[in-house]
C-alpha atoms as a PDB file:
ATOM      1  CA  MET A   1      -2.540  -5.240  27.523  1.00  0.00           C
ATOM      2  CA  ALA A   2      -0.747  -1.864  27.507  1.00  0.00           C
ATOM      3  CA  THR A   3       2.406  -3.946  28.941  1.00  0.00           C
ATOM      4  CA  ALA A   4       2.289  -6.436  26.321  1.00  0.00           C
ATOM      5  CA  THR A   5       2.048  -3.776  23.755  1.00  0.00           C
ATOM      6  CA  ARG A   6       5.233  -1.906  24.855  1.00  0.00           C
ATOM      7  CA  THR A   7       6.834  -5.246  24.855  1.00  0.00           C
ATOM      8  CA  ASP A   8       5.872  -5.893  21.475  1.00  0.00           C
ATOM      9  CA  THR A   9       6.893  -2.486  20.339  1.00  0.00           C
ATOM     10  CA  ALA A  10      10.226  -2.659  22.029  1.00  0.00           C
ATOM     11  CA  THR A  11      10.924  -6.179  20.472  1.00  0.00           C
ATOM     12  CA  THR A  12       9.841  -4.622  16.897  1.00  0.00           C
ATOM     13  CA  GLY A  13      12.214  -1.807  17.544  1.00  0.00           C
ATOM     14  CA  ALA A  14      15.133  -4.005  18.470  1.00  0.00           C
ATOM     15  CA  GLN A  15      14.443  -6.228  15.470  1.00  0.00           C
ATOM     16  CA  GLY A  16      14.250  -3.044  13.157  1.00  0.00           C
ATOM     17  CA  GLN A  17      17.601  -1.750  14.859  1.00  0.00           C
ATOM     18  CA  ALA A  18      19.435  -5.219  14.199  1.00  0.00           C
ATOM     19  CA  THR A  19      18.275  -5.272  10.779  1.00  0.00           C
ATOM     20  CA  GLY A  20      19.252  -1.639  10.156  1.00  0.00           C
ATOM     21  CA  ARG A  21      22.739  -2.590  11.463  1.00  0.00           C
ATOM     22  CA  SER A  22      22.854  -5.620   9.315  1.00  0.00           C
ATOM     23  CA  PHE A  23      22.230  -3.574   6.403  1.00  0.00           C
ATOM     24  CA  GLY A  24      24.659  -0.903   7.133  1.00  0.00           C
ATOM     25  CA  ALA A  25      27.351  -3.398   7.745  1.00  0.00           C
ATOM     26  CA  LEU A  26      26.561  -5.020   4.516  1.00  0.00           C
ATOM     27  CA  VAL A  27      26.345  -1.860   2.555  1.00  0.00           C
ATOM     28  CA  ARG A  28      29.708  -0.725   4.277  1.00  0.00           C
ATOM     29  CA  ARG A  29      31.635  -3.938   2.930  1.00  0.00           C
ATOM     30  CA  PRO A  30      34.002  -2.884   0.079  1.00  0.00           C
ATOM     31  CA  GLU A  31      32.766  -5.849  -2.240  1.00  0.00           C
ATOM     32  CA  ALA A  32      28.885  -4.759  -1.878  1.00  0.00           C
ATOM     33  CA  GLY A  33      28.868  -3.150  -5.342  1.00  0.00           C
ATOM     34  CA  SER A  34      30.815  -5.870  -7.086  1.00  0.00           C
ATOM     35  CA  VAL A  35      28.379  -8.543  -5.866  1.00  0.00           C
ATOM     36  CA  LEU A  36      25.683  -6.711  -7.786  1.00  0.00           C
ATOM     37  CA  GLY A  37      28.132  -6.319 -10.627  1.00  0.00           C
ATOM     38  CA  LEU A  38      29.012  -9.854 -11.045  1.00  0.00           C
ATOM     39  CA  LEU A  39      25.349 -11.091 -10.542  1.00  0.00           C
ATOM     40  CA  ALA A  40      24.207  -8.564 -13.273  1.00  0.00           C
ATOM     41  CA  VAL A  41      27.034  -9.896 -15.826  1.00  0.00           C
ATOM     42  CA  PHE A  42      26.527 -13.491 -15.097  1.00  0.00           C
ATOM     43  CA  ILE A  43      22.673 -13.333 -15.615  1.00  0.00           C
ATOM     44  CA  PHE A  44      23.104 -11.461 -18.793  1.00  0.00           C
ATOM     45  CA  PHE A  45      25.478 -13.404 -20.526  1.00  0.00           C
ATOM     46  CA  THR A  46      23.697 -16.756 -19.230  1.00  0.00           C
ATOM     47  CA  ALA A  47      20.404 -15.166 -20.937  1.00  0.00           C
ATOM     48  CA  VAL A  48      22.069 -14.016 -23.994  1.00  0.00           C
ATOM     49  CA  SER A  49      24.596 -16.723 -24.719  1.00  0.00           C
ATOM     50  CA  GLY A  50      22.447 -19.703 -23.955  1.00  0.00           C
ATOM     51  CA  PRO A  51      23.512 -22.920 -21.798  1.00  0.00           C
ATOM     52  CA  ILE A  52      26.979 -23.072 -23.200  1.00  0.00           C
ATOM     53  CA  PHE A  53      27.998 -20.356 -20.992  1.00  0.00           C
ATOM     54  CA  VAL A  54      27.338 -22.511 -17.857  1.00  0.00           C
ATOM     55  CA  LEU A  55      28.758 -25.614 -19.187  1.00  0.00           C
ATOM     56  CA  PRO A  56      32.398 -26.568 -18.284  1.00  0.00           C
ATOM     57  CA  ALA A  57      33.842 -25.063 -21.468  1.00  0.00           C
ATOM     58  CA  GLY A  58      32.265 -21.661 -20.816  1.00  0.00           C
ATOM     59  CA  PHE A  59      33.598 -21.780 -17.076  1.00  0.00           C
ATOM     60  CA  ALA A  60      36.926 -22.883 -18.233  1.00  0.00           C
ATOM     61  CA  SER A  61      36.982 -19.879 -20.849  1.00  0.00           C
ATOM     62  CA  TRP A  62      36.726 -17.194 -18.427  1.00  0.00           C
ATOM     63  CA  LEU A  63      38.444 -18.870 -15.490  1.00  0.00           C
ATOM     64  CA  ASN A  64      41.693 -19.520 -17.130  1.00  0.00           C
ATOM     65  CA  VAL A  65      41.728 -15.787 -18.009  1.00  0.00           C
ATOM     66  CA  ALA A  66      40.614 -14.821 -14.495  1.00  0.00           C
ATOM     67  CA  ALA A  67      43.520 -16.687 -12.949  1.00  0.00           C
ATOM     68  CA  GLU A  68      46.131 -15.147 -14.924  1.00  0.00           C
ATOM     69  CA  ILE A  69      44.977 -11.640 -14.352  1.00  0.00           C
ATOM     70  CA  GLY A  70      43.752 -12.349 -10.706  1.00  0.00           C
ATOM     71  CA  ILE A  71      47.357 -13.477  -9.505  1.00  0.00           C
ATOM     72  CA  VAL A  72      48.546 -10.076 -10.492  1.00  0.00           C
ATOM     73  CA  ALA A  73      45.379  -8.033  -9.582  1.00  0.00           C
ATOM     74  CA  LEU A  74      45.739  -9.225  -5.920  1.00  0.00           C
ATOM     75  CA  PRO A  75      49.044  -7.507  -5.126  1.00  0.00           C
ATOM     76  CA  ILE A  76      47.986  -4.495  -7.313  1.00  0.00           C
ATOM     77  CA  GLY A  77      44.916  -4.277  -4.982  1.00  0.00           C
ATOM     78  CA  LEU A  78      47.150  -4.144  -1.882  1.00  0.00           C
ATOM     79  CA  LEU A  79      49.255  -1.438  -3.183  1.00  0.00           C
ATOM     80  CA  MET A  80      45.987   0.518  -4.351  1.00  0.00           C
ATOM     81  CA  ILE A  81      44.645   0.091  -0.847  1.00  0.00           C
ATOM     82  CA  ALA A  82      47.959   1.591   0.502  1.00  0.00           C
ATOM     83  CA  GLY A  83      47.952   4.463  -1.608  1.00  0.00           C
ATOM     84  CA  GLU A  84      50.385   3.185  -4.396  1.00  0.00           C
ATOM     85  CA  LEU A  85      50.198   1.888  -7.979  1.00  0.00           C
ATOM     86  CA  ASP A  86      52.490  -0.467  -9.969  1.00  0.00           C
ATOM     87  CA  LEU A  87      52.212  -0.223 -13.894  1.00  0.00           C
ATOM     88  CA  SER A  88      55.614  -2.072 -14.429  1.00  0.00           C
ATOM     89  CA  ILE A  89      53.912  -5.454 -14.440  1.00  0.00           C
ATOM     90  CA  GLY A  90      53.353  -4.981 -18.141  1.00  0.00           C
ATOM     91  CA  ALA A  91      57.284  -5.235 -18.647  1.00  0.00           C
ATOM     92  CA  VAL A  92      58.047  -7.760 -15.749  1.00  0.00           C
ATOM     93  CA  ILE A  93      55.698 -10.561 -17.263  1.00  0.00           C
ATOM     94  CA  PRO A  94      57.299 -10.906 -20.633  1.00  0.00           C
ATOM     95  CA  ALA A  95      60.770 -10.111 -19.087  1.00  0.00           C
ATOM     96  CA  SER A  96      60.344 -13.007 -16.534  1.00  0.00           C
ATOM     97  CA  ALA A  97      58.878 -15.285 -19.162  1.00  0.00           C
ATOM     98  CA  LEU A  98      62.146 -14.692 -21.437  1.00  0.00           C
ATOM     99  CA  THR A  99      64.316 -15.204 -18.497  1.00  0.00           C
ATOM    100  CA  PHE A 100      62.894 -18.580 -17.901  1.00  0.00           C
ATOM    101  CA  ALA A 101      62.845 -19.371 -21.540  1.00  0.00           C
ATOM    102  CA  VAL A 102      66.407 -18.236 -22.388  1.00  0.00           C
ATOM    103  CA  ILE A 103      68.216 -19.895 -19.264  1.00  0.00           C
ATOM    104  CA  SER A 104      66.329 -23.143 -19.388  1.00  0.00           C
ATOM    105  CA  GLY A 105      65.287 -23.318 -23.069  1.00  0.00           C
ATOM    106  CA  PHE A 106      67.998 -21.751 -25.108  1.00  0.00           C
ATOM    107  CA  TYR A 107      70.916 -22.529 -22.888  1.00  0.00           C
ATOM    108  CA  GLY A 108      69.485 -25.684 -21.302  1.00  0.00           C
ATOM    109  CA  ALA A 109      70.171 -24.874 -17.570  1.00  0.00           C
ATOM    110  CA  PRO A 110      68.222 -26.808 -15.028  1.00  0.00           C
ATOM    111  CA  GLU A 111      64.382 -25.328 -15.096  1.00  0.00           C
ATOM    112  CA  ILE A 112      64.770 -24.527 -11.280  1.00  0.00           C
ATOM    113  CA  VAL A 113      67.645 -22.184 -12.177  1.00  0.00           C
ATOM    114  CA  GLY A 114      65.376 -20.691 -15.007  1.00  0.00           C
ATOM    115  CA  VAL A 115      62.541 -20.220 -12.496  1.00  0.00           C
ATOM    116  CA  ALA A 116      64.524 -18.889  -9.673  1.00  0.00           C
ATOM    117  CA  ALA A 117      66.022 -16.172 -12.040  1.00  0.00           C
ATOM    118  CA  ALA A 118      62.772 -15.286 -13.346  1.00  0.00           C
ATOM    119  CA  PHE A 119      61.343 -14.725  -9.808  1.00  0.00           C
ATOM    120  CA  GLY A 120      64.287 -12.845  -9.150  1.00  0.00           C
ATOM    121  CA  VAL A 121      63.732 -10.369 -11.983  1.00  0.00           C
ATOM    122  CA  GLY A 122      60.313  -9.654 -10.621  1.00  0.00           C
ATOM    123  CA  LEU A 123      61.410  -9.049  -7.013  1.00  0.00           C
ATOM    124  CA  LEU A 124      64.425  -6.932  -8.075  1.00  0.00           C
ATOM    125  CA  VAL A 125      62.084  -4.560 -10.277  1.00  0.00           C
ATOM    126  CA  GLY A 126      59.633  -4.288  -7.290  1.00  0.00           C
ATOM    127  CA  ALA A 127      62.485  -3.458  -4.898  1.00  0.00           C
ATOM    128  CA  ILE A 128      63.871  -0.760  -7.252  1.00  0.00           C
ATOM    129  CA  ASN A 129      60.105   0.658  -7.796  1.00  0.00           C
ATOM    130  CA  GLY A 130      59.683   0.866  -3.973  1.00  0.00           C
ATOM    131  CA  PHE A 131      63.059   2.390  -3.419  1.00  0.00           C
ATOM    132  CA  LEU A 132      62.503   5.117  -6.150  1.00  0.00           C
ATOM    133  CA  VAL A 133      59.289   5.901  -4.913  1.00  0.00           C
ATOM    134  CA  LEU A 134      60.440   6.318  -1.362  1.00  0.00           C
ATOM    135  CA  ARG A 135      63.772   8.294  -2.088  1.00  0.00           C
ATOM    136  CA  THR A 136      62.541  10.533  -4.915  1.00  0.00           C
ATOM    137  CA  GLY A 137      59.144  11.394  -3.670  1.00  0.00           C
ATOM    138  CA  VAL A 138      57.878  11.131  -7.084  1.00  0.00           C
ATOM    139  CA  PRO A 139      54.251   9.443  -7.220  1.00  0.00           C
ATOM    140  CA  SER A 140      54.184   5.888  -7.746  1.00  0.00           C
ATOM    141  CA  LEU A 141      52.029   6.453 -10.947  1.00  0.00           C
ATOM    142  CA  ILE A 142      55.195   7.814 -12.735  1.00  0.00           C
ATOM    143  CA  VAL A 143      58.098   5.704 -11.306  1.00  0.00           C
ATOM    144  CA  PRO A 144      56.822   2.375 -12.444  1.00  0.00           C
ATOM    145  CA  ILE A 145      56.175   3.755 -15.763  1.00  0.00           C
ATOM    146  CA  GLY A 146      59.908   4.714 -16.259  1.00  0.00           C
ATOM    147  CA  THR A 147      60.879   1.212 -14.796  1.00  0.00           C
ATOM    148  CA  MET A 148      58.591  -0.288 -17.323  1.00  0.00           C
ATOM    149  CA  PHE A 149      60.083   1.290 -20.389  1.00  0.00           C
ATOM    150  CA  ALA A 150      63.760   0.475 -18.958  1.00  0.00           C
ATOM    151  CA  VAL A 151      63.010  -3.199 -18.467  1.00  0.00           C
ATOM    152  CA  MET A 152      61.221  -3.421 -21.770  1.00  0.00           C
ATOM    153  CA  GLY A 153      64.587  -1.773 -23.120  1.00  0.00           C
ATOM    154  CA  LEU A 154      66.657  -4.246 -21.445  1.00  0.00           C
ATOM    155  CA  THR A 155      64.537  -7.165 -22.316  1.00  0.00           C
ATOM    156  CA  LEU A 156      64.805  -6.454 -25.924  1.00  0.00           C
ATOM    157  CA  GLY A 157      68.445  -5.733 -26.033  1.00  0.00           C
ATOM    158  CA  LEU A 158      69.562  -8.682 -23.755  1.00  0.00           C
ATOM    159  CA  SER A 159      67.140 -11.133 -25.879  1.00  0.00           C
ATOM    160  CA  VAL A 160      68.714 -10.228 -29.100  1.00  0.00           C
ATOM    161  CA  LEU A 161      72.309 -10.092 -27.926  1.00  0.00           C
ATOM    162  CA  LEU A 162      71.915 -13.422 -26.042  1.00  0.00           C
ATOM    163  CA  THR A 163      69.787 -15.305 -28.625  1.00  0.00           C
ATOM    164  CA  GLY A 164      69.693 -13.206 -31.701  1.00  0.00           C
ATOM    165  CA  ALA A 165      65.960 -13.043 -31.560  1.00  0.00           C
ATOM    166  CA  THR A 166      63.085 -11.264 -29.823  1.00  0.00           C
ATOM    167  CA  SER A 167      61.634 -14.769 -28.689  1.00  0.00           C
ATOM    168  CA  SER A 168      62.646 -18.028 -27.162  1.00  0.00           C
ATOM    169  CA  ASN A 169      61.134 -21.566 -27.117  1.00  0.00           C
ATOM    170  CA  VAL A 170      61.191 -23.705 -24.010  1.00  0.00           C
ATOM    171  CA  VAL A 171      59.652 -27.228 -23.472  1.00  0.00           C
ATOM    172  CA  PRO A 172      59.242 -27.867 -19.800  1.00  0.00           C
ATOM    173  CA  SER A 173      59.651 -31.218 -18.038  1.00  0.00           C
ATOM    174  CA  PRO A 174      56.524 -33.036 -17.184  1.00  0.00           C
ATOM    175  CA  PHE A 175      57.098 -31.934 -13.448  1.00  0.00           C
ATOM    176  CA  TRP A 176      57.227 -28.436 -14.288  1.00  0.00           C
ATOM    177  CA  LYS A 177      54.632 -28.569 -16.843  1.00  0.00           C
ATOM    178  CA  GLY A 178      52.211 -30.046 -14.296  1.00  0.00           C
ATOM    179  CA  LEU A 179      53.095 -27.854 -11.751  1.00  0.00           C
ATOM    180  CA  MET A 180      52.485 -24.517 -13.622  1.00  0.00           C
ATOM    181  CA  GLY A 181      51.436 -25.203 -17.109  1.00  0.00           C
ATOM    182  CA  GLN A 182      48.946 -28.146 -17.179  1.00  0.00           C
ATOM    183  CA  PHE A 183      45.539 -28.058 -18.555  1.00  0.00           C
ATOM    184  CA  ILE A 184      43.343 -30.294 -16.210  1.00  0.00           C
ATOM    185  CA  GLY A 185      40.612 -32.150 -18.073  1.00  0.00           C
ATOM    186  CA  GLY A 186      41.794 -30.511 -21.186  1.00  0.00           C
ATOM    187  CA  MET A 187      40.365 -27.217 -20.280  1.00  0.00           C
ATOM    188  CA  PHE A 188      41.127 -25.768 -16.786  1.00  0.00           C
ATOM    189  CA  GLN A 189      44.461 -24.438 -16.308  1.00  0.00           C
ATOM    190  CA  VAL A 190      46.443 -25.469 -13.073  1.00  0.00           C
ATOM    191  CA  THR A 191      46.802 -21.542 -12.637  1.00  0.00           C
ATOM    192  CA  ILE A 192      43.354 -21.629 -11.343  1.00  0.00           C
ATOM    193  CA  PHE A 193      44.586 -23.309  -8.403  1.00  0.00           C
ATOM    194  CA  TRP A 194      47.725 -21.061  -7.834  1.00  0.00           C
ATOM    195  CA  TRP A 195      45.205 -18.135  -7.998  1.00  0.00           C
ATOM    196  CA  ALA A 196      43.136 -19.635  -5.189  1.00  0.00           C
ATOM    197  CA  ALA A 197      46.267 -20.062  -3.110  1.00  0.00           C
ATOM    198  CA  PHE A 198      47.358 -16.401  -3.936  1.00  0.00           C
ATOM    199  CA  ALA A 199      43.861 -15.184  -2.831  1.00  0.00           C
ATOM    200  CA  ALA A 200      43.984 -17.128   0.480  1.00  0.00           C
ATOM    201  CA  ILE A 201      47.574 -15.707   1.381  1.00  0.00           C
ATOM    202  CA  VAL A 202      46.802 -12.097   0.401  1.00  0.00           C
ATOM    203  CA  ALA A 203      43.587 -12.503   2.213  1.00  0.00           C
ATOM    204  CA  TYR A 204      45.264 -13.343   5.296  1.00  0.00           C
ATOM    205  CA  ILE A 205      47.935 -10.737   5.001  1.00  0.00           C
ATOM    206  CA  LEU A 206      45.125  -8.090   4.558  1.00  0.00           C
ATOM    207  CA  HIS A 207      42.485  -9.251   6.844  1.00  0.00           C
ATOM    208  CA  VAL A 208      43.922 -11.452   9.578  1.00  0.00           C
ATOM    209  CA  SER A 209      47.675 -10.361   9.988  1.00  0.00           C
ATOM    210  CA  PRO A 210      48.838  -6.881  11.682  1.00  0.00           C
ATOM    211  CA  PHE A 211      50.396  -6.325   8.277  1.00  0.00           C
ATOM    212  CA  GLY A 212      46.897  -5.647   6.822  1.00  0.00           C
ATOM    213  CA  ASN A 213      46.170  -3.052   9.483  1.00  0.00           C
ATOM    214  CA  TRP A 214      49.240  -1.280   8.144  1.00  0.00           C
ATOM    215  CA  VAL A 215      48.240  -1.344   4.790  1.00  0.00           C
ATOM    216  CA  TYR A 216      44.908   0.155   5.536  1.00  0.00           C
ATOM    217  CA  ALA A 217      46.584   2.762   7.807  1.00  0.00           C
ATOM    218  CA  VAL A 218      49.156   3.773   5.252  1.00  0.00           C
ATOM    219  CA  GLY A 219      46.255   4.041   2.510  1.00  0.00           C
ATOM    220  CA  GLY A 220      44.372   6.348   4.816  1.00  0.00           C
ATOM    221  CA  ASP A 221      47.220   8.769   5.953  1.00  0.00           C
ATOM    222  CA  LYS A 222      50.657   7.820   5.356  1.00  0.00           C
ATOM    223  CA  ILE A 223      51.923  10.515   7.604  1.00  0.00           C
ATOM    224  CA  SER A 224      49.735   9.552  10.609  1.00  0.00           C
ATOM    225  CA  ALA A 225      50.995   5.885   9.910  1.00  0.00           C
ATOM    226  CA  ARG A 226      54.415   6.678  10.040  1.00  0.00           C
ATOM    227  CA  ASN A 227      54.073   8.799  13.244  1.00  0.00           C
ATOM    228  CA  ALA A 228      52.233   5.987  14.752  1.00  0.00           C
ATOM    229  CA  GLY A 229      55.308   3.803  14.295  1.00  0.00           C
ATOM    230  CA  ILE A 230      54.272   1.830  11.292  1.00  0.00           C
ATOM    231  CA  PRO A 231      57.384   0.827   8.937  1.00  0.00           C
ATOM    232  CA  THR A 232      55.880   2.671   6.172  1.00  0.00           C
ATOM    233  CA  GLU A 233      59.234   2.269   4.044  1.00  0.00           C
ATOM    234  CA  ARG A 234      59.376  -1.438   4.596  1.00  0.00           C
ATOM    235  CA  LEU A 235      55.616  -1.843   3.840  1.00  0.00           C
ATOM    236  CA  THR A 236      56.062   0.052   0.547  1.00  0.00           C
ATOM    237  CA  ILE A 237      58.915  -1.998  -0.795  1.00  0.00           C
ATOM    238  CA  SER A 238      57.388  -5.096   0.208  1.00  0.00           C
ATOM    239  CA  LEU A 239      54.052  -4.540  -1.388  1.00  0.00           C
ATOM    240  CA  PHE A 240      56.193  -3.484  -4.911  1.00  0.00           C
ATOM    241  CA  MET A 241      58.232  -6.694  -4.388  1.00  0.00           C
ATOM    242  CA  LEU A 242      55.043  -8.708  -4.056  1.00  0.00           C
ATOM    243  CA  SER A 243      53.614  -7.168  -7.259  1.00  0.00           C
ATOM    244  CA  GLY A 244      56.872  -7.812  -9.115  1.00  0.00           C
ATOM    245  CA  PHE A 245      56.806 -11.507  -7.783  1.00  0.00           C
ATOM    246  CA  ALA A 246      53.216 -11.995  -8.733  1.00  0.00           C
ATOM    247  CA  ALA A 247      53.963 -10.695 -12.332  1.00  0.00           C
ATOM    248  CA  ALA A 248      57.009 -13.056 -12.700  1.00  0.00           C
ATOM    249  CA  PHE A 249      54.797 -16.045 -11.731  1.00  0.00           C
ATOM    250  CA  VAL A 250      52.310 -15.183 -14.270  1.00  0.00           C
ATOM    251  CA  GLY A 251      55.233 -14.743 -16.998  1.00  0.00           C
ATOM    252  CA  VAL A 252      56.860 -18.232 -15.974  1.00  0.00           C
ATOM    253  CA  SER A 253      53.469 -19.697 -16.085  1.00  0.00           C
ATOM    254  CA  GLN A 254      52.584 -18.403 -19.609  1.00  0.00           C
ATOM    255  CA  ALA A 255      56.089 -19.407 -20.898  1.00  0.00           C
ATOM    256  CA  MET A 256      55.239 -23.125 -19.578  1.00  0.00           C
ATOM    257  CA  VAL A 257      51.759 -23.083 -20.972  1.00  0.00           C
ATOM    258  CA  TYR A 258      52.732 -21.903 -24.364  1.00  0.00           C
ATOM    259  CA  GLN A 259      56.295 -23.362 -24.476  1.00  0.00           C
ATOM    260  CA  SER A 260      57.729 -20.009 -25.724  1.00  0.00           C
ATOM    261  CA  ALA A 261      58.172 -16.409 -24.704  1.00  0.00           C
ATOM    262  CA  GLN A 262      58.641 -13.227 -26.635  1.00  0.00           C
ATOM    263  CA  VAL A 263      59.589  -9.384 -25.777  1.00  0.00           C
ATOM    264  CA  ALA A 264      55.982  -8.182 -26.917  1.00  0.00           C
ATOM    265  CA  GLY A 265      53.444  -9.049 -24.355  1.00  0.00           C
ATOM    266  CA  GLY A 266      51.900  -8.375 -20.922  1.00  0.00           C
ATOM    267  CA  GLN A 267      50.816  -4.663 -21.482  1.00  0.00           C
ATOM    268  CA  ALA A 268      47.144  -5.722 -21.445  1.00  0.00           C
ATOM    269  CA  PHE A 269      47.587  -6.802 -17.837  1.00  0.00           C
ATOM    270  CA  ILE A 270      48.182  -3.369 -16.688  1.00  0.00           C
ATOM    271  CA  PHE A 271      44.834  -1.903 -17.199  1.00  0.00           C
ATOM    272  CA  ASN A 272      43.011  -5.333 -16.738  1.00  0.00           C
ATOM    273  CA  SER A 273      44.347  -5.740 -13.387  1.00  0.00           C
ATOM    274  CA  ILE A 274      43.647  -2.031 -12.169  1.00  0.00           C
ATOM    275  CA  MET A 275      40.027  -2.602 -13.572  1.00  0.00           C
ATOM    276  CA  CYS A 276      39.443  -5.867 -11.490  1.00  0.00           C
ATOM    277  CA  VAL A 277      40.677  -4.007  -8.423  1.00  0.00           C
ATOM    278  CA  VAL A 278      38.531  -1.020  -8.950  1.00  0.00           C
ATOM    279  CA  ILE A 279      35.559  -3.151  -9.942  1.00  0.00           C
ATOM    280  CA  GLY A 280      36.185  -5.158  -6.789  1.00  0.00           C
ATOM    281  CA  GLY A 281      35.522  -2.030  -4.666  1.00  0.00           C
ATOM    282  CA  VAL A 282      38.995  -0.745  -3.820  1.00  0.00           C
ATOM    283  CA  LEU A 283      38.864   3.000  -3.664  1.00  0.00           C
ATOM    284  CA  LEU A 284      41.068   5.051  -6.006  1.00  0.00           C
ATOM    285  CA  THR A 285      41.974   7.230  -2.996  1.00  0.00           C
ATOM    286  CA  GLY A 286      43.362   4.247  -0.970  1.00  0.00           C
ATOM    287  CA  GLY A 287      42.517   2.975   2.429  1.00  0.00           C
ATOM    288  CA  PHE A 288      39.281   0.900   1.511  1.00  0.00           C
ATOM    289  CA  GLY A 289      39.071  -2.440  -0.270  1.00  0.00           C
ATOM    290  CA  SER A 290      39.050  -6.305   0.235  1.00  0.00           C
ATOM    291  CA  VAL A 291      40.371  -9.356  -1.279  1.00  0.00           C
ATOM    292  CA  PHE A 292      37.010 -10.978  -1.688  1.00  0.00           C
ATOM    293  CA  GLY A 293      36.009  -7.946  -3.748  1.00  0.00           C
ATOM    294  CA  ILE A 294      39.201  -7.881  -5.963  1.00  0.00           C
ATOM    295  CA  VAL A 295      38.292 -11.859  -6.608  1.00  0.00           C
ATOM    296  CA  LEU A 296      34.846 -10.633  -7.693  1.00  0.00           C
ATOM    297  CA  GLY A 297      35.914  -7.888  -9.912  1.00  0.00           C
ATOM    298  CA  THR A 298      38.503 -10.384 -11.448  1.00  0.00           C
ATOM    299  CA  ILE A 299      35.826 -12.816 -12.404  1.00  0.00           C
ATOM    300  CA  THR A 300      33.369 -10.105 -13.523  1.00  0.00           C
ATOM    301  CA  LEU A 301      36.016  -8.614 -15.968  1.00  0.00           C
ATOM    302  CA  SER A 302      36.772 -11.980 -17.294  1.00  0.00           C
ATOM    303  CA  MET A 303      33.251 -13.025 -17.685  1.00  0.00           C
ATOM    304  CA  VAL A 304      32.748  -9.754 -20.005  1.00  0.00           C
ATOM    305  CA  ASN A 305      36.089 -10.400 -21.597  1.00  0.00           C
ATOM    306  CA  GLN A 306      35.102 -13.887 -22.702  1.00  0.00           C
ATOM    307  CA  GLY A 307      31.278 -13.682 -22.579  1.00  0.00           C
ATOM    308  CA  ILE A 308      31.102 -11.657 -25.620  1.00  0.00           C
ATOM    309  CA  TYR A 309      32.486 -14.330 -27.679  1.00  0.00           C
ATOM    310  CA  PHE A 310      29.399 -16.728 -26.696  1.00  0.00           C
ATOM    311  CA  THR A 311      27.080 -14.150 -28.025  1.00  0.00           C
ATOM    312  CA  GLY A 312      26.141 -12.902 -31.748  1.00  0.00           C
ATOM    313  CA  PHE A 313      27.383  -9.573 -30.572  1.00  0.00           C
ATOM    314  CA  ASP A 314      30.354  -7.718 -32.292  1.00  0.00           C
ATOM    315  CA  PRO A 315      33.397  -8.818 -30.032  1.00  0.00           C
ATOM    316  CA  ASN A 316      34.321  -4.844 -30.064  1.00  0.00           C
ATOM    317  CA  LEU A 317      31.430  -4.388 -27.777  1.00  0.00           C
ATOM    318  CA  GLY A 318      33.290  -5.989 -25.085  1.00  0.00           C
ATOM    319  CA  SER A 319      35.374  -2.920 -24.576  1.00  0.00           C
ATOM    320  CA  VAL A 320      32.285  -0.886 -24.497  1.00  0.00           C
ATOM    321  CA  ILE A 321      30.805  -2.957 -21.879  1.00  0.00           C
ATOM    322  CA  ILE A 322      34.106  -3.210 -19.787  1.00  0.00           C
ATOM    323  CA  GLY A 323      34.417   0.792 -19.925  1.00  0.00           C
ATOM    324  CA  ALA A 324      30.786   1.134 -18.786  1.00  0.00           C
ATOM    325  CA  LEU A 325      31.446  -1.508 -16.101  1.00  0.00           C
ATOM    326  CA  LEU A 326      34.540   0.549 -14.865  1.00  0.00           C
ATOM    327  CA  LEU A 327      32.695   3.718 -14.781  1.00  0.00           C
ATOM    328  CA  LEU A 328      29.798   2.311 -12.957  1.00  0.00           C
ATOM    329  CA  ALA A 329      31.960   0.462 -10.473  1.00  0.00           C
ATOM    330  CA  VAL A 330      33.922   3.729  -9.517  1.00  0.00           C
ATOM    331  CA  LEU A 331      30.552   5.506  -9.115  1.00  0.00           C
ATOM    332  CA  MET A 332      28.777   2.667  -7.146  1.00  0.00           C
ATOM    333  CA  ASN A 333      31.880   2.190  -4.932  1.00  0.00           C
ATOM    334  CA  ASP A 334      31.947   5.850  -3.980  1.00  0.00           C
ATOM    335  CA  THR A 335      28.139   5.901  -3.698  1.00  0.00           C
ATOM    336  CA  PHE A 336      27.999   2.752  -1.475  1.00  0.00           C
ATOM    337  CA  ARG A 337      30.467   4.134   1.024  1.00  0.00           C
ATOM    338  CA  GLN A 338      28.786   7.404   1.077  1.00  0.00           C
ATOM    339  CA  MET A 339      25.556   5.597   1.999  1.00  0.00           C
ATOM    340  CA  ALA A 340      27.072   3.584   4.692  1.00  0.00           C
ATOM    341  CA  LEU A 341      28.420   6.642   6.335  1.00  0.00           C
ATOM    342  CA  SER A 342      25.328   8.529   5.799  1.00  0.00           C
ATOM    343  CA  TYR A 343      23.177   5.594   7.401  1.00  0.00           C
ATOM    344  CA  SER A 344      25.575   5.166  10.281  1.00  0.00           C
ATOM    345  CA  SER A 345      25.383   8.924  11.236  1.00  0.00           C
ATOM    346  CA  LYS A 346      21.462   8.768  11.027  1.00  0.00           C
ATOM    347  CA  LYS A 347      21.403   5.694  13.493  1.00  0.00           C
ATOM    348  CA  LYS A 348      23.762   7.414  15.987  1.00  0.00           C
ATOM    349  CA  SER A 349      21.644  10.573  15.903  1.00  0.00           C
END
């Protein structure tokens, strides 16, 4: 009997340790807080808005918004995990959209030329950002702001010089419209599938390839990462170029969806993308985060942005909810991480 009792006790203890390890691993996940936030937001708007929020039209309303923001948020997340930040996307989006519209719409060049030129604008701005951050030593919060205003000024000046206006129309061919600007079923933008593709690629980069280990290492300690042989300069420039490319992709997509482009536009993406990343569990200090969390954060923010219109509340309350959600996310991200570290220490002792 005594042996059986000791066996039962040992088994129970082993199960408890396994459960503890599972709980610790779960809490240690970067997206732990964002999962709870997403569930809370979804349940709230489902209860307040009624069945329309969970119908196809309701899903389309926030998925279309999430897709555009999400494409930009993914590389912004990589940059933040690496300890950097890119605010110039607010200028790259309209600049690339106008580049495509002017070349292929105003001048009538083949669309492939306009698309390539627009993507080139994004890659060039990203490369300049990365180069300046490395060579000047100025924090990446400042450099892209300067780049943003420079690109905004150039976009405005060149648009007026070349077309005599601050906007340009473009009617894409059925092929390009279907590829980047089509509504499926009259509701869902094809950009949603591009977002899924971007997420899969970035997830592979961050969580599977050696490149991802470099990103985490640079975000944790850039000097140590450099001393360990990680090509920190090449990594930084590559991440900024990826951010510029994603912004250009969204700009071209918007031009094809709305069949026009204008100088003013894109500024909302700056803070929305950062909020998606932070709500998704990425620490502001770098070195911590996941692609799954960024996707969850993007969905959460988009639900709040669009869900408020399905309720009888004042739409201005959406900003209040987003602000509270952002503050709560920052506190939860740090709290969950501290809980995980504390729990791990207790288990070892």
